[in-house]
PDB file of N, CA and C in Angstrom:
ATOM      1  N   GLN A   1      22.613  26.124  57.235  1.00  0.00           N
ATOM      2  CA  GLN A   1      22.248  24.975  56.399  1.00  0.00           C
ATOM      3  C   GLN A   1      20.793  24.622  56.643  1.00  0.00           C
ATOM      4  N   VAL A   2      20.049  24.414  55.574  1.00  0.00           N
ATOM      5  CA  VAL A   2      18.647  24.042  55.656  1.00  0.00           C
ATOM      6  C   VAL A   2      18.442  22.785  54.826  1.00  0.00           C
ATOM      7  N   GLN A   3      17.815  21.801  55.413  1.00  0.00           N
ATOM      8  CA  GLN A   3      17.445  20.603  54.671  1.00  0.00           C
ATOM      9  C   GLN A   3      15.933  20.583  54.492  1.00  0.00           C
ATOM     10  N   LEU A   4      15.504  20.214  53.294  1.00  0.00           N
ATOM     11  CA  LEU A   4      14.092  20.261  52.945  1.00  0.00           C
ATOM     12  C   LEU A   4      13.622  18.892  52.483  1.00  0.00           C
ATOM     13  N   VAL A   5      12.452  18.486  52.941  1.00  0.00           N
ATOM     14  CA  VAL A   5      11.875  17.201  52.553  1.00  0.00           C
ATOM     15  C   VAL A   5      10.417  17.396  52.175  1.00  0.00           C
ATOM     16  N   GLU A   6      10.100  17.103  50.919  1.00  0.00           N
ATOM     17  CA  GLU A   6       8.723  17.208  50.444  1.00  0.00           C
ATOM     18  C   GLU A   6       7.969  15.909  50.697  1.00  0.00           C
ATOM     19  N   SER A   7       6.669  16.027  50.843  1.00  0.00           N
ATOM     20  CA  SER A   7       5.798  14.854  50.978  1.00  0.00           C
ATOM     21  C   SER A   7       4.398  15.237  50.512  1.00  0.00           C
ATOM     22  N   GLY A   8       3.556  14.215  50.350  1.00  0.00           N
ATOM     23  CA  GLY A   8       2.162  14.468  50.005  1.00  0.00           C
ATOM     24  C   GLY A   8       1.801  14.223  48.556  1.00  0.00           C
ATOM     25  N   GLY A   9       2.789  13.901  47.748  1.00  0.00           N
ATOM     26  CA  GLY A   9       2.499  13.629  46.347  1.00  0.00           C
ATOM     27  C   GLY A   9       1.732  12.331  46.177  1.00  0.00           C
ATOM     28  N   GLY A  10       1.234  12.117  44.972  1.00  0.00           N
ATOM     29  CA  GLY A  10       0.496  10.896  44.694  1.00  0.00           C
ATOM     30  C   GLY A  10      -0.270  10.982  43.399  1.00  0.00           C
ATOM     31  N   LEU A  11      -1.202  10.055  43.228  1.00  0.00           N
ATOM     32  CA  LEU A  11      -2.040   9.982  42.034  1.00  0.00           C
ATOM     33  C   LEU A  11      -3.428  10.525  42.364  1.00  0.00           C
ATOM     34  N   VAL A  12      -3.923  11.418  41.528  1.00  0.00           N
ATOM     35  CA  VAL A  12      -5.241  12.014  41.749  1.00  0.00           C
ATOM     36  C   VAL A  12      -5.924  12.205  40.402  1.00  0.00           C
ATOM     37  N   GLN A  13      -7.236  12.149  40.411  1.00  0.00           N
ATOM     38  CA  GLN A  13      -7.985  12.379  39.174  1.00  0.00           C
ATOM     39  C   GLN A  13      -8.079  13.873  38.876  1.00  0.00           C
ATOM     40  N   ALA A  14      -8.240  14.172  37.619  1.00  0.00           N
ATOM     41  CA  ALA A  14      -8.423  15.565  37.214  1.00  0.00           C
ATOM     42  C   ALA A  14      -9.606  16.173  37.965  1.00  0.00           C
ATOM     43  N   GLY A  15      -9.426  17.399  38.411  1.00  0.00           N
ATOM     44  CA  GLY A  15     -10.446  18.069  39.194  1.00  0.00           C
ATOM     45  C   GLY A  15     -10.282  17.900  40.683  1.00  0.00           C
ATOM     46  N   GLY A  16      -9.412  16.981  41.076  1.00  0.00           N
ATOM     47  CA  GLY A  16      -9.189  16.705  42.481  1.00  0.00           C
ATOM     48  C   GLY A  16      -8.188  17.658  43.116  1.00  0.00           C
ATOM     49  N   SER A  17      -7.851  17.357  44.362  1.00  0.00           N
ATOM     50  CA  SER A  17      -6.959  18.202  45.147  1.00  0.00           C
ATOM     51  C   SER A  17      -5.878  17.370  45.825  1.00  0.00           C
ATOM     52  N   LEU A  18      -4.762  18.014  46.081  1.00  0.00           N
ATOM     53  CA  LEU A  18      -3.674  17.449  46.867  1.00  0.00           C
ATOM     54  C   LEU A  18      -3.044  18.575  47.665  1.00  0.00           C
ATOM     55  N   ARG A  19      -2.482  18.222  48.801  1.00  0.00           N
ATOM     56  CA  ARG A  19      -1.690  19.190  49.556  1.00  0.00           C
ATOM     57  C   ARG A  19      -0.299  18.617  49.771  1.00  0.00           C
ATOM     58  N   LEU A  20       0.674  19.343  49.263  1.00  0.00           N
ATOM     59  CA  LEU A  20       2.066  18.977  49.467  1.00  0.00           C
ATOM     60  C   LEU A  20       2.610  19.701  50.691  1.00  0.00           C
ATOM     61  N   SER A  21       3.531  19.038  51.352  1.00  0.00           N
ATOM     62  CA  SER A  21       4.215  19.634  52.493  1.00  0.00           C
ATOM     63  C   SER A  21       5.713  19.662  52.224  1.00  0.00           C
ATOM     64  N   CYS A  22       6.347  20.645  52.786  1.00  0.00           N
ATOM     65  CA  CYS A  22       7.803  20.761  52.703  1.00  0.00           C
ATOM     66  C   CYS A  22       8.295  21.036  54.113  1.00  0.00           C
ATOM     67  N   ALA A  23       8.927  20.048  54.712  1.00  0.00           N
ATOM     68  CA  ALA A  23       9.428  20.182  56.079  1.00  0.00           C
ATOM     69  C   ALA A  23      10.889  20.599  56.049  1.00  0.00           C
ATOM     70  N   GLY A  24      11.188  21.639  56.804  1.00  0.00           N
ATOM     71  CA  GLY A  24      12.550  22.150  56.842  1.00  0.00           C
ATOM     72  C   GLY A  24      13.209  21.909  58.183  1.00  0.00           C
ATOM     73  N   SER A  25      14.504  21.733  58.150  1.00  0.00           N
ATOM     74  CA  SER A  25      15.259  21.572  59.378  1.00  0.00           C
ATOM     75  C   SER A  25      16.003  22.863  59.668  1.00  0.00           C
ATOM     76  N   GLY A  26      16.429  22.999  60.904  1.00  0.00           N
ATOM     77  CA  GLY A  26      17.234  24.157  61.251  1.00  0.00           C
ATOM     78  C   GLY A  26      16.437  25.262  61.905  1.00  0.00           C
ATOM     79  N   ARG A  27      17.078  25.941  62.845  1.00  0.00           N
ATOM     80  CA  ARG A  27      16.404  27.001  63.595  1.00  0.00           C
ATOM     81  C   ARG A  27      16.140  28.232  62.754  1.00  0.00           C
ATOM     82  N   THR A  28      16.836  28.345  61.603  1.00  0.00           N
ATOM     83  CA  THR A  28      16.686  29.538  60.776  1.00  0.00           C
ATOM     84  C   THR A  28      15.647  29.387  59.685  1.00  0.00           C
ATOM     85  N   PHE A  29      14.908  28.277  59.692  1.00  0.00           N
ATOM     86  CA  PHE A  29      13.946  28.028  58.614  1.00  0.00           C
ATOM     87  C   PHE A  29      12.986  29.191  58.443  1.00  0.00           C
ATOM     88  N   SER A  30      12.528  29.762  59.542  1.00  0.00           N
ATOM     89  CA  SER A  30      11.518  30.820  59.470  1.00  0.00           C
ATOM     90  C   SER A  30      12.046  32.106  58.848  1.00  0.00           C
ATOM     91  N   THR A  31      13.347  32.220  58.666  1.00  0.00           N
ATOM     92  CA  THR A  31      13.908  33.420  58.048  1.00  0.00           C
ATOM     93  C   THR A  31      13.984  33.312  56.527  1.00  0.00           C
ATOM     94  N   TYR A  32      13.688  32.136  55.987  1.00  0.00           N
ATOM     95  CA  TYR A  32      13.790  31.909  54.552  1.00  0.00           C
ATOM     96  C   TYR A  32      12.446  32.093  53.858  1.00  0.00           C
ATOM     97  N   SER A  33      12.481  32.737  52.725  1.00  0.00           N
ATOM     98  CA  SER A  33      11.355  32.669  51.818  1.00  0.00           C
ATOM     99  C   SER A  33      11.391  31.294  51.147  1.00  0.00           C
ATOM    100  N   MET A  34      10.227  30.802  50.752  1.00  0.00           N
ATOM    101  CA  MET A  34      10.156  29.447  50.217  1.00  0.00           C
ATOM    102  C   MET A  34       9.436  29.419  48.878  1.00  0.00           C
ATOM    103  N   GLY A  35      10.033  28.737  47.940  1.00  0.00           N
ATOM    104  CA  GLY A  35       9.430  28.610  46.623  1.00  0.00           C
ATOM    105  C   GLY A  35       9.042  27.173  46.313  1.00  0.00           C
ATOM    106  N   TRP A  36       8.129  27.043  45.383  1.00  0.00           N
ATOM    107  CA  TRP A  36       7.760  25.739  44.830  1.00  0.00           C
ATOM    108  C   TRP A  36       8.025  25.766  43.329  1.00  0.00           C
ATOM    109  N   PHE A  37       8.620  24.699  42.835  1.00  0.00           N
ATOM    110  CA  PHE A  37       8.880  24.511  41.424  1.00  0.00           C
ATOM    111  C   PHE A  37       8.357  23.137  41.031  1.00  0.00           C
ATOM    112  N   ARG A  38       8.262  22.905  39.730  1.00  0.00           N
ATOM    113  CA  ARG A  38       7.864  21.588  39.260  1.00  0.00           C
ATOM    114  C   ARG A  38       8.563  21.268  37.947  1.00  0.00           C
ATOM    115  N   GLN A  39       8.734  19.991  37.697  1.00  0.00           N
ATOM    116  CA  GLN A  39       9.358  19.544  36.461  1.00  0.00           C
ATOM    117  C   GLN A  39       8.569  18.386  35.891  1.00  0.00           C
ATOM    118  N   ALA A  40       7.974  18.638  34.734  1.00  0.00           N
ATOM    119  CA  ALA A  40       7.232  17.601  34.025  1.00  0.00           C
ATOM    120  C   ALA A  40       8.191  16.785  33.172  1.00  0.00           C
ATOM    121  N   PRO A  41       7.817  15.564  32.816  1.00  0.00           N
ATOM    122  CA  PRO A  41       8.694  14.719  31.994  1.00  0.00           C
ATOM    123  C   PRO A  41       9.078  15.410  30.695  1.00  0.00           C
ATOM    124  N   GLY A  42      10.357  15.435  30.421  1.00  0.00           N
ATOM    125  CA  GLY A  42      10.841  16.013  29.184  1.00  0.00           C
ATOM    126  C   GLY A  42      10.847  17.530  29.136  1.00  0.00           C
ATOM    127  N   LYS A  43      10.550  18.156  30.257  1.00  0.00           N
ATOM    128  CA  LYS A  43      10.497  19.622  30.285  1.00  0.00           C
ATOM    129  C   LYS A  43      11.446  20.170  31.342  1.00  0.00           C
ATOM    130  N   GLU A  44      11.729  21.454  31.235  1.00  0.00           N
ATOM    131  CA  GLU A  44      12.574  22.097  32.224  1.00  0.00           C
ATOM    132  C   GLU A  44      11.769  22.366  33.502  1.00  0.00           C
ATOM    133  N   ARG A  45      12.489  22.472  34.584  1.00  0.00           N
ATOM    134  CA  ARG A  45      11.844  22.806  35.851  1.00  0.00           C
ATOM    135  C   ARG A  45      11.320  24.240  35.773  1.00  0.00           C
ATOM    136  N   GLU A  46      10.092  24.428  36.265  1.00  0.00           N
ATOM    137  CA  GLU A  46       9.460  25.739  36.171  1.00  0.00           C
ATOM    138  C   GLU A  46       8.958  26.214  37.517  1.00  0.00           C
ATOM    139  N   PHE A  47       8.861  27.518  37.642  1.00  0.00           N
ATOM    140  CA  PHE A  47       8.400  28.174  38.858  1.00  0.00           C
ATOM    141  C   PHE A  47       6.903  27.965  39.042  1.00  0.00           C
ATOM    142  N   VAL A  48       6.502  27.685  40.289  1.00  0.00           N
ATOM    143  CA  VAL A  48       5.089  27.552  40.623  1.00  0.00           C
ATOM    144  C   VAL A  48       4.634  28.727  41.485  1.00  0.00           C
ATOM    145  N   GLY A  49       5.378  28.996  42.560  1.00  0.00           N
ATOM    146  CA  GLY A  49       5.011  30.092  43.439  1.00  0.00           C
ATOM    147  C   GLY A  49       6.043  30.267  44.534  1.00  0.00           C
ATOM    148  N   VAL A  50       5.885  31.347  45.283  1.00  0.00           N
ATOM    149  CA  VAL A  50       6.832  31.653  46.354  1.00  0.00           C
ATOM    150  C   VAL A  50       6.088  32.357  47.476  1.00  0.00           C
ATOM    151  N   ILE A  51       6.564  32.153  48.708  1.00  0.00           N
ATOM    152  CA  ILE A  51       5.963  32.793  49.878  1.00  0.00           C
ATOM    153  C   ILE A  51       7.069  33.429  50.694  1.00  0.00           C
ATOM    154  N   SER A  52       6.787  34.608  51.229  1.00  0.00           N
ATOM    155  CA  SER A  52       7.778  35.304  52.044  1.00  0.00           C
ATOM    156  C   SER A  52       7.975  34.600  53.379  1.00  0.00           C
ATOM    157  N   TRP A  53       9.012  34.996  54.115  1.00  0.00           N
ATOM    158  CA  TRP A  53       9.319  34.330  55.382  1.00  0.00           C
ATOM    159  C   TRP A  53       8.154  34.467  56.362  1.00  0.00           C
ATOM    160  N   SER A  54       7.438  35.592  56.295  1.00  0.00           N
ATOM    161  CA  SER A  54       6.325  35.836  57.219  1.00  0.00           C
ATOM    162  C   SER A  54       5.032  35.185  56.759  1.00  0.00           C
ATOM    163  N   GLY A  55       4.991  34.797  55.496  1.00  0.00           N
ATOM    164  CA  GLY A  55       3.757  34.247  54.953  1.00  0.00           C
ATOM    165  C   GLY A  55       2.798  35.287  54.425  1.00  0.00           C
ATOM    166  N   VAL A  56       3.165  36.549  54.521  1.00  0.00           N
ATOM    167  CA  VAL A  56       2.257  37.628  54.131  1.00  0.00           C
ATOM    168  C   VAL A  56       2.188  37.796  52.617  1.00  0.00           C
ATOM    169  N   ILE A  57       3.319  37.585  51.955  1.00  0.00           N
ATOM    170  CA  ILE A  57       3.394  37.843  50.517  1.00  0.00           C
ATOM    171  C   ILE A  57       3.538  36.524  49.762  1.00  0.00           C
ATOM    172  N   THR A  58       2.737  36.373  48.727  1.00  0.00           N
ATOM    173  CA  THR A  58       2.855  35.215  47.843  1.00  0.00           C
ATOM    174  C   THR A  58       2.764  35.664  46.389  1.00  0.00           C
ATOM    175  N   TYR A  59       3.468  34.948  45.549  1.00  0.00           N
ATOM    176  CA  TYR A  59       3.378  35.136  44.096  1.00  0.00           C
ATOM    177  C   TYR A  59       3.169  33.763  43.475  1.00  0.00           C
ATOM    178  N   TYR A  60       2.451  33.743  42.352  1.00  0.00           N
ATOM    179  CA  TYR A  60       2.182  32.484  41.654  1.00  0.00           C
ATOM    180  C   TYR A  60       2.411  32.649  40.165  1.00  0.00           C
ATOM    181  N   SER A  61       2.725  31.547  39.530  1.00  0.00           N
ATOM    182  CA  SER A  61       2.784  31.572  38.081  1.00  0.00           C
ATOM    183  C   SER A  61       1.362  31.657  37.532  1.00  0.00           C
ATOM    184  N   ASP A  62       1.245  32.147  36.329  1.00  0.00           N
ATOM    185  CA  ASP A  62      -0.092  32.299  35.726  1.00  0.00           C
ATOM    186  C   ASP A  62      -0.786  30.947  35.565  1.00  0.00           C
ATOM    187  N   SER A  63      -0.005  29.903  35.370  1.00  0.00           N
ATOM    188  CA  SER A  63      -0.591  28.598  35.102  1.00  0.00           C
ATOM    189  C   SER A  63      -1.288  27.986  36.326  1.00  0.00           C
ATOM    190  N   VAL A  64      -0.958  28.464  37.532  1.00  0.00           N
ATOM    191  CA  VAL A  64      -1.556  27.901  38.741  1.00  0.00           C
ATOM    192  C   VAL A  64      -2.348  28.922  39.548  1.00  0.00           C
ATOM    193  N   LYS A  65      -2.253  30.173  39.175  1.00  0.00           N
ATOM    194  CA  LYS A  65      -2.921  31.235  39.932  1.00  0.00           C
ATOM    195  C   LYS A  65      -4.423  30.960  40.017  1.00  0.00           C
ATOM    196  N   GLY A  66      -4.956  31.059  41.216  1.00  0.00           N
ATOM    197  CA  GLY A  66      -6.372  30.801  41.431  1.00  0.00           C
ATOM    198  C   GLY A  66      -6.696  29.353  41.758  1.00  0.00           C
ATOM    199  N   ARG A  67      -5.739  28.458  41.522  1.00  0.00           N
ATOM    200  CA  ARG A  67      -5.946  27.036  41.833  1.00  0.00           C
ATOM    201  C   ARG A  67      -5.033  26.548  42.947  1.00  0.00           C
ATOM    202  N   PHE A  68      -3.822  27.080  43.023  1.00  0.00           N
ATOM    203  CA  PHE A  68      -2.844  26.666  44.016  1.00  0.00           C
ATOM    204  C   PHE A  68      -2.671  27.763  45.064  1.00  0.00           C
ATOM    205  N   THR A  69      -2.412  27.329  46.303  1.00  0.00           N
ATOM    206  CA  THR A  69      -2.182  28.271  47.398  1.00  0.00           C
ATOM    207  C   THR A  69      -0.999  27.791  48.230  1.00  0.00           C
ATOM    208  N   ILE A  70      -0.071  28.713  48.469  1.00  0.00           N
ATOM    209  CA  ILE A  70       1.079  28.418  49.324  1.00  0.00           C
ATOM    210  C   ILE A  70       0.838  29.042  50.692  1.00  0.00           C
ATOM    211  N   SER A  71       1.134  28.274  51.726  1.00  0.00           N
ATOM    212  CA  SER A  71       1.046  28.774  53.096  1.00  0.00           C
ATOM    213  C   SER A  71       2.208  28.195  53.891  1.00  0.00           C
ATOM    214  N   ARG A  72       2.394  28.680  55.081  1.00  0.00           N
ATOM    215  CA  ARG A  72       3.475  28.156  55.908  1.00  0.00           C
ATOM    216  C   ARG A  72       3.111  28.235  57.379  1.00  0.00           C
ATOM    217  N   ASP A  73       3.713  27.336  58.130  1.00  0.00           N
ATOM    218  CA  ASP A  73       3.584  27.321  59.585  1.00  0.00           C
ATOM    219  C   ASP A  73       5.006  27.288  60.132  1.00  0.00           C
ATOM    220  N   ASN A  74       5.517  28.442  60.503  1.00  0.00           N
ATOM    221  CA  ASN A  74       6.912  28.519  60.954  1.00  0.00           C
ATOM    222  C   ASN A  74       7.125  27.794  62.281  1.00  0.00           C
ATOM    223  N   ALA A  75       6.093  27.659  63.075  1.00  0.00           N
ATOM    224  CA  ALA A  75       6.232  26.911  64.329  1.00  0.00           C
ATOM    225  C   ALA A  75       6.509  25.436  64.050  1.00  0.00           C
ATOM    226  N   LYS A  76       6.055  24.970  62.898  1.00  0.00           N
ATOM    227  CA  LYS A  76       6.267  23.572  62.510  1.00  0.00           C
ATOM    228  C   LYS A  76       7.353  23.433  61.446  1.00  0.00           C
ATOM    229  N   ASN A  77       7.992  24.551  61.089  1.00  0.00           N
ATOM    230  CA  ASN A  77       9.020  24.521  60.039  1.00  0.00           C
ATOM    231  C   ASN A  77       8.502  23.856  58.765  1.00  0.00           C
ATOM    232  N   THR A  78       7.302  24.209  58.369  1.00  0.00           N
ATOM    233  CA  THR A  78       6.675  23.547  57.230  1.00  0.00           C
ATOM    234  C   THR A  78       6.001  24.556  56.315  1.00  0.00           C
ATOM    235  N   VAL A  79       6.149  24.307  55.031  1.00  0.00           N
ATOM    236  CA  VAL A  79       5.478  25.078  53.999  1.00  0.00           C
ATOM    237  C   VAL A  79       4.548  24.129  53.240  1.00  0.00           C
ATOM    238  N   TYR A  80       3.402  24.648  52.821  1.00  0.00           N
ATOM    239  CA  TYR A  80       2.399  23.824  52.161  1.00  0.00           C
ATOM    240  C   TYR A  80       2.100  24.363  50.762  1.00  0.00           C
ATOM    241  N   LEU A  81       1.737  23.436  49.901  1.00  0.00           N
ATOM    242  CA  LEU A  81       1.235  23.804  48.574  1.00  0.00           C
ATOM    243  C   LEU A  81      -0.100  23.095  48.405  1.00  0.00           C
ATOM    244  N   GLN A  82      -1.178  23.859  48.547  1.00  0.00           N
ATOM    245  CA  GLN A  82      -2.519  23.317  48.345  1.00  0.00           C
ATOM    246  C   GLN A  82      -2.860  23.436  46.867  1.00  0.00           C
ATOM    247  N   MET A  83      -3.150  22.314  46.248  1.00  0.00           N
ATOM    248  CA  MET A  83      -3.417  22.279  44.813  1.00  0.00           C
ATOM    249  C   MET A  83      -4.858  21.817  44.590  1.00  0.00           C
ATOM    250  N   ASN A  84      -5.656  22.680  44.000  1.00  0.00           N
ATOM    251  CA  ASN A  84      -7.060  22.377  43.718  1.00  0.00           C
ATOM    252  C   ASN A  84      -7.305  22.378  42.212  1.00  0.00           C
ATOM    253  N   VAL A  85      -8.404  21.795  41.824  1.00  0.00           N
ATOM    254  CA  VAL A  85      -8.820  21.721  40.410  1.00  0.00           C
ATOM    255  C   VAL A  85      -7.630  21.270  39.571  1.00  0.00           C
ATOM    256  N   LEU A  86      -7.048  20.170  39.950  1.00  0.00           N
ATOM    257  CA  LEU A  86      -5.844  19.688  39.276  1.00  0.00           C
ATOM    258  C   LEU A  86      -6.155  19.247  37.853  1.00  0.00           C
ATOM    259  N   LYS A  87      -5.177  19.471  36.985  1.00  0.00           N
ATOM    260  CA  LYS A  87      -5.293  19.124  35.574  1.00  0.00           C
ATOM    261  C   LYS A  87      -4.179  18.141  35.209  1.00  0.00           C
ATOM    262  N   PRO A  88      -4.369  17.366  34.162  1.00  0.00           N
ATOM    263  CA  PRO A  88      -3.301  16.438  33.751  1.00  0.00           C
ATOM    264  C   PRO A  88      -1.974  17.157  33.500  1.00  0.00           C
ATOM    265  N   GLU A  89      -2.028  18.386  33.039  1.00  0.00           N
ATOM    266  CA  GLU A  89      -0.785  19.125  32.782  1.00  0.00           C
ATOM    267  C   GLU A  89      -0.085  19.567  34.061  1.00  0.00           C
ATOM    268  N   ASP A  90      -0.687  19.343  35.223  1.00  0.00           N
ATOM    269  CA  ASP A  90      -0.011  19.608  36.486  1.00  0.00           C
ATOM    270  C   ASP A  90       0.877  18.435  36.897  1.00  0.00           C
ATOM    271  N   THR A  91       0.825  17.354  36.150  1.00  0.00           N
ATOM    272  CA  THR A  91       1.667  16.193  36.445  1.00  0.00           C
ATOM    273  C   THR A  91       3.137  16.580  36.364  1.00  0.00           C
ATOM    274  N   ALA A  92       3.860  16.322  37.455  1.00  0.00           N
ATOM    275  CA  ALA A  92       5.265  16.724  37.530  1.00  0.00           C
ATOM    276  C   ALA A  92       5.844  16.265  38.856  1.00  0.00           C
ATOM    277  N   VAL A  93       7.152  16.382  38.960  1.00  0.00           N
ATOM    278  CA  VAL A  93       7.818  16.285  40.256  1.00  0.00           C
ATOM    279  C   VAL A  93       7.850  17.694  40.834  1.00  0.00           C
ATOM    280  N   TYR A  94       7.377  17.825  42.045  1.00  0.00           N
ATOM    281  CA  TYR A  94       7.299  19.125  42.704  1.00  0.00           C
ATOM    282  C   TYR A  94       8.426  19.258  43.734  1.00  0.00           C
ATOM    283  N   TYR A  95       9.091  20.405  43.690  1.00  0.00           N
ATOM    284  CA  TYR A  95      10.219  20.693  44.561  1.00  0.00           C
ATOM    285  C   TYR A  95       9.948  21.946  45.381  1.00  0.00           C
ATOM    286  N   CYS A  96      10.379  21.927  46.625  1.00  0.00           N
ATOM    287  CA  CYS A  96      10.409  23.164  47.382  1.00  0.00           C
ATOM    288  C   CYS A  96      11.856  23.635  47.465  1.00  0.00           C
ATOM    289  N   ALA A  97      12.016  24.928  47.641  1.00  0.00           N
ATOM    290  CA  ALA A  97      13.340  25.524  47.670  1.00  0.00           C
ATOM    291  C   ALA A  97      13.325  26.738  48.586  1.00  0.00           C
ATOM    292  N   ALA A  98      14.465  27.012  49.200  1.00  0.00           N
ATOM    293  CA  ALA A  98      14.568  28.102  50.164  1.00  0.00           C
ATOM    294  C   ALA A  98      15.528  29.170  49.671  1.00  0.00           C
ATOM    295  N   LEU A  99      15.169  30.417  49.936  1.00  0.00           N
ATOM    296  CA  LEU A  99      16.071  31.518  49.628  1.00  0.00           C
ATOM    297  C   LEU A  99      15.947  32.577  50.716  1.00  0.00           C
ATOM    298  N   LEU A 100      17.076  33.258  50.990  1.00  0.00           N
ATOM    299  CA  LEU A 100      17.105  34.219  52.084  1.00  0.00           C
ATOM    300  C   LEU A 100      16.464  35.544  51.712  1.00  0.00           C
ATOM    301  N   VAL A 101      16.657  35.985  50.494  1.00  0.00           N
ATOM    302  CA  VAL A 101      16.169  37.293  50.077  1.00  0.00           C
ATOM    303  C   VAL A 101      14.941  37.105  49.203  1.00  0.00           C
ATOM    304  N   PHE A 102      13.818  37.663  49.602  1.00  0.00           N
ATOM    305  CA  PHE A 102      12.579  37.506  48.833  1.00  0.00           C
ATOM    306  C   PHE A 102      12.791  38.068  47.436  1.00  0.00           C
ATOM    307  N   PRO A 103      12.446  37.314  46.427  1.00  0.00           N
ATOM    308  CA  PRO A 103      12.747  37.740  45.061  1.00  0.00           C
ATOM    309  C   PRO A 103      11.799  38.819  44.549  1.00  0.00           C
ATOM    310  N   THR A 104      12.247  39.499  43.529  1.00  0.00           N
ATOM    311  CA  THR A 104      11.364  40.422  42.819  1.00  0.00           C
ATOM    312  C   THR A 104      10.515  39.602  41.857  1.00  0.00           C
ATOM    313  N   THR A 105       9.540  40.256  41.257  1.00  0.00           N
ATOM    314  CA  THR A 105       8.727  39.540  40.277  1.00  0.00           C
ATOM    315  C   THR A 105       9.571  39.121  39.080  1.00  0.00           C
ATOM    316  N   GLN A 106      10.676  39.834  38.857  1.00  0.00           N
ATOM    317  CA  GLN A 106      11.551  39.472  37.736  1.00  0.00           C
ATOM    318  C   GLN A 106      12.443  38.286  38.052  1.00  0.00           C
ATOM    319  N   THR A 107      12.766  38.068  39.327  1.00  0.00           N
ATOM    320  CA  THR A 107      13.725  37.020  39.683  1.00  0.00           C
ATOM    321  C   THR A 107      13.109  35.832  40.410  1.00  0.00           C
ATOM    322  N   MET A 108      11.812  35.858  40.683  1.00  0.00           N
ATOM    323  CA  MET A 108      11.241  34.789  41.497  1.00  0.00           C
ATOM    324  C   MET A 108      11.329  33.428  40.819  1.00  0.00           C
ATOM    325  N   GLY A 109      11.453  33.396  39.515  1.00  0.00           N
ATOM    326  CA  GLY A 109      11.591  32.138  38.803  1.00  0.00           C
ATOM    327  C   GLY A 109      13.023  31.748  38.522  1.00  0.00           C
ATOM    328  N   ASP A 110      13.968  32.550  38.993  1.00  0.00           N
ATOM    329  CA  ASP A 110      15.388  32.298  38.752  1.00  0.00           C
ATOM    330  C   ASP A 110      15.882  31.273  39.764  1.00  0.00           C
ATOM    331  N   GLN A 111      16.086  30.059  39.322  1.00  0.00           N
ATOM    332  CA  GLN A 111      16.434  28.969  40.241  1.00  0.00           C
ATOM    333  C   GLN A 111      17.787  29.176  40.911  1.00  0.00           C
ATOM    334  N   SER A 112      18.648  29.939  40.292  1.00  0.00           N
ATOM    335  CA  SER A 112      19.966  30.188  40.881  1.00  0.00           C
ATOM    336  C   SER A 112      19.881  31.040  42.148  1.00  0.00           C
ATOM    337  N   LYS A 113      18.752  31.720  42.368  1.00  0.00           N
ATOM    338  CA  LYS A 113      18.572  32.540  43.555  1.00  0.00           C
ATOM    339  C   LYS A 113      18.241  31.707  44.789  1.00  0.00           C
ATOM    340  N   TYR A 114      17.842  30.464  44.590  1.00  0.00           N
ATOM    341  CA  TYR A 114      17.399  29.608  45.682  1.00  0.00           C
ATOM    342  C   TYR A 114      18.588  28.818  46.223  1.00  0.00           C
ATOM    343  N   ASN A 115      18.748  28.855  47.542  1.00  0.00           N
ATOM    344  CA  ASN A 115      19.945  28.314  48.164  1.00  0.00           C
ATOM    345  C   ASN A 115      19.858  26.818  48.451  1.00  0.00           C
ATOM    346  N   TYR A 116      18.675  26.349  48.789  1.00  0.00           N
ATOM    347  CA  TYR A 116      18.507  24.948  49.191  1.00  0.00           C
ATOM    348  C   TYR A 116      17.286  24.353  48.498  1.00  0.00           C
ATOM    349  N   TRP A 117      17.398  23.049  48.188  1.00  0.00           N
ATOM    350  CA  TRP A 117      16.336  22.356  47.460  1.00  0.00           C
ATOM    351  C   TRP A 117      16.008  21.039  48.145  1.00  0.00           C
ATOM    352  N   GLY A 118      14.739  20.652  48.038  1.00  0.00           N
ATOM    353  CA  GLY A 118      14.334  19.330  48.460  1.00  0.00           C
ATOM    354  C   GLY A 118      14.541  18.325  47.344  1.00  0.00           C
ATOM    355  N   GLN A 119      14.193  17.085  47.611  1.00  0.00           N
ATOM    356  CA  GLN A 119      14.439  16.007  46.642  1.00  0.00           C
ATOM    357  C   GLN A 119      13.270  15.820  45.681  1.00  0.00           C
ATOM    358  N   GLY A 120      12.140  16.424  45.993  1.00  0.00           N
ATOM    359  CA  GLY A 120      10.989  16.361  45.100  1.00  0.00           C
ATOM    360  C   GLY A 120       9.982  15.295  45.476  1.00  0.00           C
ATOM    361  N   THR A 121       8.744  15.517  45.074  1.00  0.00           N
ATOM    362  CA  THR A 121       7.676  14.544  45.276  1.00  0.00           C
ATOM    363  C   THR A 121       6.829  14.489  44.009  1.00  0.00           C
ATOM    364  N   GLN A 122       6.463  13.286  43.592  1.00  0.00           N
ATOM    365  CA  GLN A 122       5.755  13.097  42.325  1.00  0.00           C
ATOM    366  C   GLN A 122       4.265  13.348  42.493  1.00  0.00           C
ATOM    367  N   VAL A 123       3.718  14.125  41.581  1.00  0.00           N
ATOM    368  CA  VAL A 123       2.277  14.332  41.491  1.00  0.00           C
ATOM    369  C   VAL A 123       1.824  13.890  40.107  1.00  0.00           C
ATOM    370  N   THR A 124       0.864  12.999  40.066  1.00  0.00           N
ATOM    371  CA  THR A 124       0.334  12.510  38.800  1.00  0.00           C
ATOM    372  C   THR A 124      -1.171  12.740  38.770  1.00  0.00           C
ATOM    373  N   VAL A 125      -1.622  13.436  37.740  1.00  0.00           N
ATOM    374  CA  VAL A 125      -3.039  13.743  37.592  1.00  0.00           C
ATOM    375  C   VAL A 125      -3.563  12.984  36.381  1.00  0.00           C
ATOM    376  N   SER A 126      -4.512  12.104  36.616  1.00  0.00           N
ATOM    377  CA  SER A 126      -5.071  11.308  35.531  1.00  0.00           C
ATOM    378  C   SER A 126      -6.304  11.988  34.949  1.00  0.00           C
ATOM    379  N   SER A 127      -6.499  11.774  33.666  1.00  0.00           N
ATOM    380  CA  SER A 127      -7.640  12.418  32.982  1.00  0.00           C
ATOM    381  C   SER A 127      -8.887  11.549  33.043  1.00  0.00           C
TER     382      SER A 127
END
């Protein structure tokens, strides 16, 4: 069992930066790959990116590639989402999620593959 808690959300102006954190519980946290998703008002939840258990491999959606970076510190049971050059369209509730088997490029956005989810943190980008 893994419990996840996101933090770091808030209000930021366009062009600014935020770093989200996802703290995990449990001794097995470091064995999980970790994904980030987001859900904007009135829209479906969408894939943002994923990082392997070791932190060596990352994938990103095209909409955030080059602006967002996922990293992790397994000693602290924490995964980070560094968001730079934020745009108003990045406004959403951001969720972290854990999965045991690192996804393929075809399945990394498949939410059913993720075993555990956090409660989400709100990010609002003003224009």
